[in-house]
N, C-alpha and C. Protein backbone atom coordinates (compact mmCIF):
# COMPACT_ATOMS: atom_id res chain seq x y z
N UNK A 1 84.43 30.19 151.09
CA UNK A 1 84.70 31.03 152.40
C UNK A 1 85.06 32.53 151.95
N UNK A 2 84.40 33.51 152.52
CA UNK A 2 84.91 34.77 152.11
C UNK A 2 85.46 35.48 153.38
N UNK A 3 86.30 36.22 153.41
CA UNK A 3 86.82 36.96 154.41
C UNK A 3 87.21 38.52 154.10
N UNK A 4 87.42 39.31 154.89
CA UNK A 4 87.75 40.66 154.76
C UNK A 4 87.90 41.66 155.84
N UNK A 5 88.61 42.54 155.89
CA UNK A 5 88.65 43.57 156.97
C UNK A 5 87.59 44.72 156.46
N UNK A 6 86.52 44.54 157.41
CA UNK A 6 85.56 45.33 157.46
C UNK A 6 85.64 46.86 157.87
N UNK A 7 86.48 46.87 159.14
CA UNK A 7 86.76 48.31 159.56
C UNK A 7 88.01 48.31 160.47
N UNK A 8 88.68 49.36 160.64
CA UNK A 8 89.86 49.38 161.54
C UNK A 8 89.93 50.74 162.03
N UNK A 9 90.71 50.95 163.17
CA UNK A 9 90.76 52.15 163.97
C UNK A 9 92.21 52.12 164.65
N UNK A 10 92.95 53.15 164.51
CA UNK A 10 94.19 53.57 164.97
C UNK A 10 94.04 54.11 166.43
N UNK A 11 94.46 53.36 167.45
CA UNK A 11 94.30 53.51 168.79
C UNK A 11 95.58 54.41 169.54
N UNK A 12 96.43 54.73 168.75
CA UNK A 12 97.78 55.35 169.25
C UNK A 12 98.91 54.29 169.30
N UNK A 13 98.83 53.26 170.17
CA UNK A 13 99.94 52.34 170.24
C UNK A 13 99.15 50.94 169.52
N UNK A 14 98.00 51.05 169.08
CA UNK A 14 97.31 49.79 168.84
C UNK A 14 96.41 49.93 167.62
N UNK A 15 96.13 48.84 166.97
CA UNK A 15 95.11 48.82 165.96
C UNK A 15 94.04 47.92 166.23
N UNK A 16 92.80 48.34 165.93
CA UNK A 16 91.65 47.56 166.16
C UNK A 16 91.20 47.19 164.85
N UNK A 17 90.83 45.86 164.61
CA UNK A 17 90.48 45.18 163.30
C UNK A 17 89.16 44.45 163.39
N UNK A 18 88.32 44.86 162.48
CA UNK A 18 86.89 44.10 162.52
C UNK A 18 86.83 43.38 161.27
N UNK A 19 86.73 42.12 161.22
CA UNK A 19 86.79 41.23 160.12
C UNK A 19 85.29 40.64 160.04
N UNK A 20 84.93 40.34 158.79
CA UNK A 20 83.68 39.70 158.56
C UNK A 20 83.97 38.41 157.78
N UNK A 21 83.61 37.06 158.26
CA UNK A 21 83.72 35.79 157.84
C UNK A 21 82.59 35.12 157.61
N UNK A 22 82.45 34.72 156.32
CA UNK A 22 81.19 33.98 156.05
C UNK A 22 81.64 32.67 155.45
N UNK A 23 81.08 31.47 155.66
CA UNK A 23 81.76 30.26 155.33
C UNK A 23 80.52 29.20 155.33
N UNK A 24 80.63 28.18 154.46
CA UNK A 24 79.78 27.07 154.72
C UNK A 24 80.35 25.77 155.31
N UNK A 25 79.52 25.24 156.34
CA UNK A 25 80.17 23.99 157.21
C UNK A 25 79.32 22.81 156.47
N UNK A 26 79.88 21.79 156.08
CA UNK A 26 79.20 20.64 155.56
C UNK A 26 78.08 20.06 156.53
N UNK A 27 78.19 20.05 157.78
CA UNK A 27 77.26 19.71 158.74
C UNK A 27 76.41 20.64 159.23
N UNK A 28 76.76 21.92 159.52
CA UNK A 28 76.06 23.14 160.15
C UNK A 28 75.51 24.20 159.26
N UNK A 29 75.90 23.88 157.92
CA UNK A 29 75.39 24.76 156.99
C UNK A 29 76.20 26.11 156.87
N UNK A 30 75.29 27.23 156.56
CA UNK A 30 76.27 28.63 156.36
C UNK A 30 76.34 29.20 157.67
N UNK A 31 77.44 29.71 157.86
CA UNK A 31 77.94 30.43 159.11
C UNK A 31 78.48 31.92 158.83
N UNK A 32 78.25 32.83 159.73
CA UNK A 32 78.78 34.04 159.72
C UNK A 32 79.31 34.52 161.04
N UNK A 33 80.44 35.10 160.96
CA UNK A 33 80.88 35.65 162.38
C UNK A 33 81.63 36.83 162.08
N UNK A 34 82.09 37.55 163.14
CA UNK A 34 82.74 39.04 162.90
C UNK A 34 83.69 38.96 164.22
N UNK A 35 84.86 38.54 163.96
CA UNK A 35 85.90 38.68 165.07
C UNK A 35 86.28 39.99 165.26
N UNK A 36 86.82 40.44 166.14
CA UNK A 36 87.62 41.75 166.46
C UNK A 36 88.88 41.41 167.09
N UNK A 37 89.77 41.98 166.37
CA UNK A 37 91.17 41.82 167.20
C UNK A 37 91.86 43.13 167.45
N UNK A 38 92.74 43.21 168.61
CA UNK A 38 93.32 44.58 168.92
C UNK A 38 94.87 44.10 168.75
N UNK A 39 95.73 44.75 167.96
CA UNK A 39 97.15 44.44 167.85
C UNK A 39 97.77 45.52 168.37
N UNK A 40 98.80 45.10 169.23
CA UNK A 40 99.84 46.25 169.70
C UNK A 40 101.09 46.04 169.04
N UNK A 41 101.60 47.27 168.31
CA UNK A 41 102.67 47.21 167.55
C UNK A 41 103.83 47.81 168.33
N UNK A 42 105.20 47.61 167.96
CA UNK A 42 106.31 48.20 168.45
C UNK A 42 107.40 48.01 167.34
N UNK A 43 108.11 48.87 166.96
CA UNK A 43 109.17 48.68 165.80
C UNK A 43 108.64 48.06 164.70
N UNK A 44 107.58 48.33 164.09
CA UNK A 44 106.94 47.77 162.90
C UNK A 44 106.67 46.39 163.06
N UNK A 45 106.52 45.76 164.33
CA UNK A 45 106.11 44.39 164.51
C UNK A 45 104.83 44.32 165.53
N UNK A 46 104.09 43.27 165.35
CA UNK A 46 103.13 43.01 166.29
C UNK A 46 103.74 42.46 167.58
N UNK A 47 103.58 42.93 168.72
CA UNK A 47 104.19 42.34 169.80
C UNK A 47 102.89 41.52 170.96
N UNK A 48 101.67 41.91 170.39
CA UNK A 48 100.54 41.42 171.18
C UNK A 48 99.35 41.59 170.42
N UNK A 49 98.51 40.28 170.49
CA UNK A 49 97.23 40.50 169.62
C UNK A 49 96.33 39.72 170.65
N UNK A 50 95.17 40.34 170.69
CA UNK A 50 93.90 39.74 171.38
C UNK A 50 92.71 39.84 170.58
N UNK A 51 91.87 38.70 170.51
CA UNK A 51 90.86 38.60 169.95
C UNK A 51 89.48 38.85 170.80
C-alpha cells in the first residue's frame, strides 16, 4: 500500500488535502483512489474535517 499527500491548499481558515492511495486487495486486485479532505483549524487543532 502506498499513500501520500499529493497536493494541499490553504483556504484562510481551512486546509484542503488531496491524497493518492494505491493498494492491492486480495479479491478485487489493484485499486487506486484519491480522497480529498477539508480540515478546519482553530488554536492549532483540527475542529472539523470533511471528506
